[in-house]
Amino acid sequence: MGKVSTGSAALDRLLEKGYETDVITTLYGPAGSGKTTTCLLAALSAATAKENKDKKVVFIDTEGGFSTERLQQLTGDEKEARKALERIMLLKITTFAEQKKCIETLAQQIQGNSGLCMIICDTISSLYRIERGEDNINLNRELGKQLSTLLAIARTKDMPVIVTTPVYADFADKTKVKMVGGDILKYSSKCLIELKINHNGTRTAVLAKHRSVPEREVTFKIKEKGLEET
């Protein structure tokens, strides 16, 4: 079972050395909980790893959250940030149809090609949520198909796929939240990490699902250079 570093000591400890390489990991939480920062840390870690010197990270950005300035903050060095950017393939998506085409194209291009080391989609469900209406059967089916395609890539190429999704209130239990994409994401993901915002400004990452690591959590602060465990 392969694992790669999350780019954060706190999350590496939570996951016992990092993200698994042949599954989809879903990060979910409210705005400001650290989803995009966590994705940027993962992208940086993979892009700068020596074993990935000839490979690239695909970063699918559906909400405009990718920031070169934030990337530079996380590296602490402009030169290192530029090197990392050379190995990050940024795909900016604005519609759910574009997202569909993007993932289909990735699946076609990667066949017989091991030039990628990680795929990140931040977020997988924002454009899906915009298009939801009275009849969502076909929309749900399409989201499921996209996740199945990403999972197939993860398994056949032995690389981690990381996706994020926002949350909404669980009206049946106000102490809990539900993921946008719900069961579709739950069934496709072998690892689920909930990010919470605490009253004192810290964040908590809760490992809600994993095939080999027990449920646990870690509390951290979002700092200029990443996540600092508290």
Protein backbone atom coordinates (compact mmCIF):
# COMPACT_ATOMS: atom_id res chain seq x y z
CA MET A 1 0.00 0.00 0.00
CA GLY A 2 1.78 3.14 -1.22
CA LYS A 3 1.55 6.50 0.51
CA VAL A 4 2.77 10.00 -0.31
CA SER A 5 3.28 12.92 2.03
CA THR A 6 0.46 15.43 2.48
CA GLY A 7 3.00 18.24 2.76
CA SER A 8 1.96 18.71 6.39
CA ALA A 9 3.46 16.92 9.39
CA ALA A 10 0.11 17.14 11.20
CA LEU A 11 -1.82 15.47 8.36
CA ASP A 12 0.93 12.91 7.76
CA ARG A 13 0.58 11.87 11.39
CA LEU A 14 -3.21 11.75 11.07
CA LEU A 15 -2.98 9.46 8.04
CA GLU A 16 0.05 7.48 9.20
CA LYS A 17 2.51 8.80 6.60
CA GLY A 18 0.20 10.38 4.04
CA TYR A 19 -2.34 9.92 1.27
CA GLU A 20 -2.82 6.45 -0.17
CA THR A 21 -1.83 6.23 -3.82
CA ASP A 22 -4.60 4.14 -5.32
CA VAL A 23 -7.73 5.74 -3.91
CA ILE A 24 -9.73 8.95 -3.89
CA THR A 25 -9.35 11.06 -0.76
CA THR A 26 -12.14 13.57 -0.15
CA LEU A 27 -11.64 16.67 2.00
CA TYR A 28 -14.87 18.32 3.07
CA GLY A 29 -15.69 21.34 5.20
CA PRO A 30 -17.01 24.91 5.18
CA ALA A 31 -15.35 27.85 3.43
CA GLY A 32 -12.20 28.88 5.28
CA SER A 33 -11.61 25.48 6.86
CA GLY A 34 -8.36 24.93 4.94
CA LYS A 35 -9.39 22.78 1.98
CA THR A 36 -7.49 24.76 -0.66
CA THR A 37 -4.41 25.24 1.52
CA THR A 38 -4.36 21.49 2.12
CA CYS A 39 -4.57 20.89 -1.64
CA LEU A 40 -1.75 23.36 -2.34
CA LEU A 41 0.44 21.65 0.26
CA ALA A 42 -0.19 18.28 -1.38
CA ALA A 43 0.57 19.68 -4.82
CA LEU A 44 3.82 21.25 -3.58
CA SER A 45 4.91 18.08 -1.82
CA ALA A 46 4.33 15.93 -4.91
CA ALA A 47 5.78 18.46 -7.35
CA THR A 48 9.02 18.86 -5.40
CA ALA A 49 9.58 15.19 -4.49
CA LYS A 50 12.80 13.86 -6.04
CA GLU A 51 11.10 10.71 -7.28
CA ASN A 52 8.67 12.87 -9.29
CA LYS A 53 11.23 15.00 -11.11
CA ASP A 54 9.89 13.92 -14.52
CA LYS A 55 6.22 13.93 -13.52
CA LYS A 56 3.51 16.52 -13.05
CA VAL A 57 0.65 17.27 -10.70
CA VAL A 58 -2.73 18.05 -12.27
CA PHE A 59 -4.60 20.70 -10.30
CA ILE A 60 -8.20 21.20 -11.45
CA ASP A 61 -9.42 24.53 -10.09
CA THR A 62 -13.19 25.08 -10.31
CA GLU A 63 -13.54 28.05 -7.94
CA GLY A 64 -10.48 30.19 -8.64
CA GLY A 65 -8.84 29.18 -5.37
CA PHE A 66 -5.40 28.38 -6.80
CA SER A 67 -3.00 31.22 -5.95
CA THR A 68 0.64 31.51 -7.03
CA GLU A 69 1.15 34.04 -4.23
CA ARG A 70 -0.11 31.54 -1.65
CA LEU A 71 2.09 28.87 -3.21
CA GLN A 72 5.11 31.13 -2.76
CA GLN A 73 4.16 31.76 0.87
CA LEU A 74 4.02 28.02 1.50
CA THR A 75 7.45 27.42 -0.04
CA GLY A 76 8.95 30.53 1.54
CA ASP A 77 11.10 30.96 -1.55
CA GLU A 78 10.20 32.49 -4.91
CA LYS A 79 12.69 30.33 -6.81
CA GLU A 80 11.34 27.12 -5.25
CA ALA A 81 7.78 28.25 -6.01
CA ARG A 82 8.66 28.75 -9.68
CA LYS A 83 10.23 25.29 -9.84
CA ALA A 84 7.11 23.77 -8.32
CA LEU A 85 4.85 25.63 -10.75
CA GLU A 86 6.75 24.11 -13.67
CA ARG A 87 5.54 20.70 -12.45
CA ILE A 88 1.96 21.70 -11.72
CA MET A 89 -0.51 21.58 -14.60
CA LEU A 90 -3.24 24.06 -13.65
CA LEU A 91 -6.62 23.55 -15.32
CA LYS A 92 -9.17 26.28 -14.66
CA ILE A 93 -12.74 25.06 -15.15
CA THR A 94 -15.87 27.23 -15.21
CA THR A 95 -18.73 24.85 -16.10
CA PHE A 96 -19.71 21.29 -15.20
CA ALA A 97 -19.54 20.39 -18.90
CA GLU A 98 -15.93 21.60 -18.99
CA GLN A 99 -15.18 19.53 -15.90
CA LYS A 100 -16.62 16.44 -17.64
CA LYS A 101 -14.49 17.02 -20.72
CA CYS A 102 -11.39 17.73 -18.64
CA ILE A 103 -11.61 14.45 -16.71
CA GLU A 104 -12.39 12.45 -19.86
CA THR A 105 -9.39 13.99 -21.61
CA LEU A 106 -7.13 13.18 -18.66
CA ALA A 107 -8.23 9.54 -18.78
CA GLN A 108 -7.45 9.35 -22.50
CA GLN A 109 -4.07 11.07 -22.26
CA ILE A 110 -2.84 9.07 -19.29
CA GLN A 111 -3.28 5.67 -20.93
CA GLY A 112 0.19 4.23 -21.41
CA ASN A 113 1.68 7.40 -19.93
CA SER A 114 3.01 7.64 -16.36
CA GLY A 115 3.85 11.34 -16.60
CA LEU A 116 1.52 12.29 -13.73
CA CYS A 117 2.03 11.76 -10.00
CA MET A 118 -1.11 13.28 -8.48
CA ILE A 119 -4.53 14.66 -9.45
CA ILE A 120 -6.28 17.29 -7.34
CA CYS A 121 -9.75 18.72 -7.94
CA ASP A 122 -10.71 21.72 -5.80
CA THR A 123 -13.67 21.42 -5.76
CA ILE A 124 -15.27 18.42 -7.47
CA SER A 125 -18.86 19.46 -6.66
CA SER A 126 -19.09 23.26 -6.85
CA LEU A 127 -20.11 23.36 -10.53
CA TYR A 128 -22.31 20.30 -10.00
CA ARG A 129 -24.13 22.15 -7.21
CA ILE A 130 -24.76 25.19 -9.43
CA GLU A 131 -26.59 23.04 -11.99
CA ARG A 132 -28.77 21.13 -9.54
CA GLY A 133 -32.50 21.60 -10.07
CA GLU A 134 -35.70 19.59 -10.00
CA ASP A 135 -34.42 16.61 -11.98
CA ASN A 136 -30.92 15.65 -10.86
CA ILE A 137 -30.76 12.02 -11.93
CA ASN A 138 -28.56 12.65 -14.97
CA LEU A 139 -26.46 15.19 -13.06
CA ASN A 140 -25.83 12.71 -10.25
CA ARG A 141 -25.00 10.03 -12.77
CA GLU A 142 -22.44 12.31 -14.43
CA LEU A 143 -20.76 13.19 -11.14
CA GLY A 144 -20.58 9.50 -10.32
CA LYS A 145 -19.06 8.78 -13.73
CA GLN A 146 -16.38 11.46 -13.24
CA LEU A 147 -15.45 10.02 -9.86
CA SER A 148 -15.33 6.50 -11.33
CA THR A 149 -12.95 7.76 -14.01
CA LEU A 150 -10.70 9.41 -11.42
CA LEU A 151 -10.74 6.26 -9.29
CA ALA A 152 -9.75 4.15 -12.29
CA ILE A 153 -6.80 6.48 -12.90
CA ALA A 154 -5.76 6.24 -9.24
CA ARG A 155 -5.85 2.44 -9.33
CA THR A 156 -4.22 1.81 -12.69
CA LYS A 157 -1.51 4.47 -12.29
CA ASP A 158 -1.04 4.00 -8.52
CA MET A 159 -1.33 7.70 -7.75
CA PRO A 160 -3.34 9.67 -5.20
CA VAL A 161 -6.45 11.56 -6.27
CA ILE A 162 -7.57 14.31 -3.89
CA VAL A 163 -10.91 16.07 -4.24
CA THR A 164 -12.65 18.64 -2.07
CA THR A 165 -16.30 19.44 -1.52
CA PRO A 166 -18.23 22.05 0.52
CA VAL A 167 -20.81 21.18 3.15
CA TYR A 168 -24.31 22.23 4.17
CA ALA A 169 -26.25 21.98 7.42
CA ASP A 170 -27.81 18.68 8.45
CA PHE A 171 -31.29 19.84 9.44
CA ALA A 172 -31.96 16.55 11.24
CA ASP A 173 -28.89 17.03 13.44
CA LYS A 174 -27.58 20.59 13.78
CA THR A 175 -24.29 19.33 15.25
CA LYS A 176 -23.41 17.71 11.92
CA VAL A 177 -22.93 18.72 8.30
CA LYS A 178 -23.44 16.91 5.01
CA MET A 179 -21.16 16.89 1.99
CA VAL A 180 -22.31 18.36 -1.29
CA GLY A 181 -22.33 15.25 -3.46
CA GLY A 182 -23.33 13.09 -0.50
CA ASP A 183 -23.40 9.35 -1.07
CA ILE A 184 -21.84 9.68 -4.53
CA LEU A 185 -18.63 10.93 -2.93
CA LYS A 186 -18.84 8.61 0.08
CA TYR A 187 -19.02 5.50 -2.10
CA SER A 188 -16.19 6.65 -4.38
CA SER A 189 -13.78 7.66 -1.59
CA LYS A 190 -11.79 5.28 0.57
CA CYS A 191 -10.62 8.20 2.70
CA LEU A 192 -12.83 11.00 4.06
CA ILE A 193 -11.39 13.91 6.03
CA GLU A 194 -13.69 16.51 7.57
CA LEU A 195 -12.19 19.96 8.18
CA LYS A 196 -13.81 22.01 10.93
CA ILE A 197 -13.42 25.61 12.07
CA ASN A 198 -13.19 25.98 15.84
CA HIS A 199 -14.34 28.97 17.92
CA ASN A 200 -10.76 29.90 18.84
CA GLY A 201 -9.68 30.16 15.20
CA THR A 202 -7.98 26.78 15.01
CA ARG A 203 -9.04 24.02 12.62
CA THR A 204 -9.61 20.33 13.24
CA ALA A 205 -9.11 17.58 10.69
CA VAL A 206 -11.25 14.55 11.50
CA LEU A 207 -10.44 11.26 9.81
CA ALA A 208 -14.00 10.07 9.24
CA LYS A 209 -13.22 7.09 6.98
CA HIS A 210 -10.11 5.10 6.10
CA ARG A 211 -9.56 1.48 5.15
CA SER A 212 -6.61 0.91 7.51
CA VAL A 213 -6.33 3.83 9.96
CA PRO A 214 -8.80 4.24 12.85
CA GLU A 215 -10.94 7.35 13.27
CA ARG A 216 -8.93 10.14 14.87
CA GLU A 217 -8.40 13.88 14.64
CA VAL A 218 -5.73 16.56 14.77
CA THR A 219 -6.06 20.28 15.55
CA PHE A 220 -3.99 22.89 13.73
CA LYS A 221 -3.62 26.54 12.81
CA ILE A 222 -3.32 27.81 9.25
CA LYS A 223 -0.04 29.71 9.04
CA GLU A 224 1.80 31.48 6.25
CA LYS A 225 3.98 28.42 5.65
CA GLY A 226 1.31 25.78 6.09
CA LEU A 227 -0.46 23.95 8.88
CA GLU A 228 0.89 24.11 12.44
CA GLU A 229 -0.34 21.47 14.86
CA THR A 230 -1.64 22.77 18.18
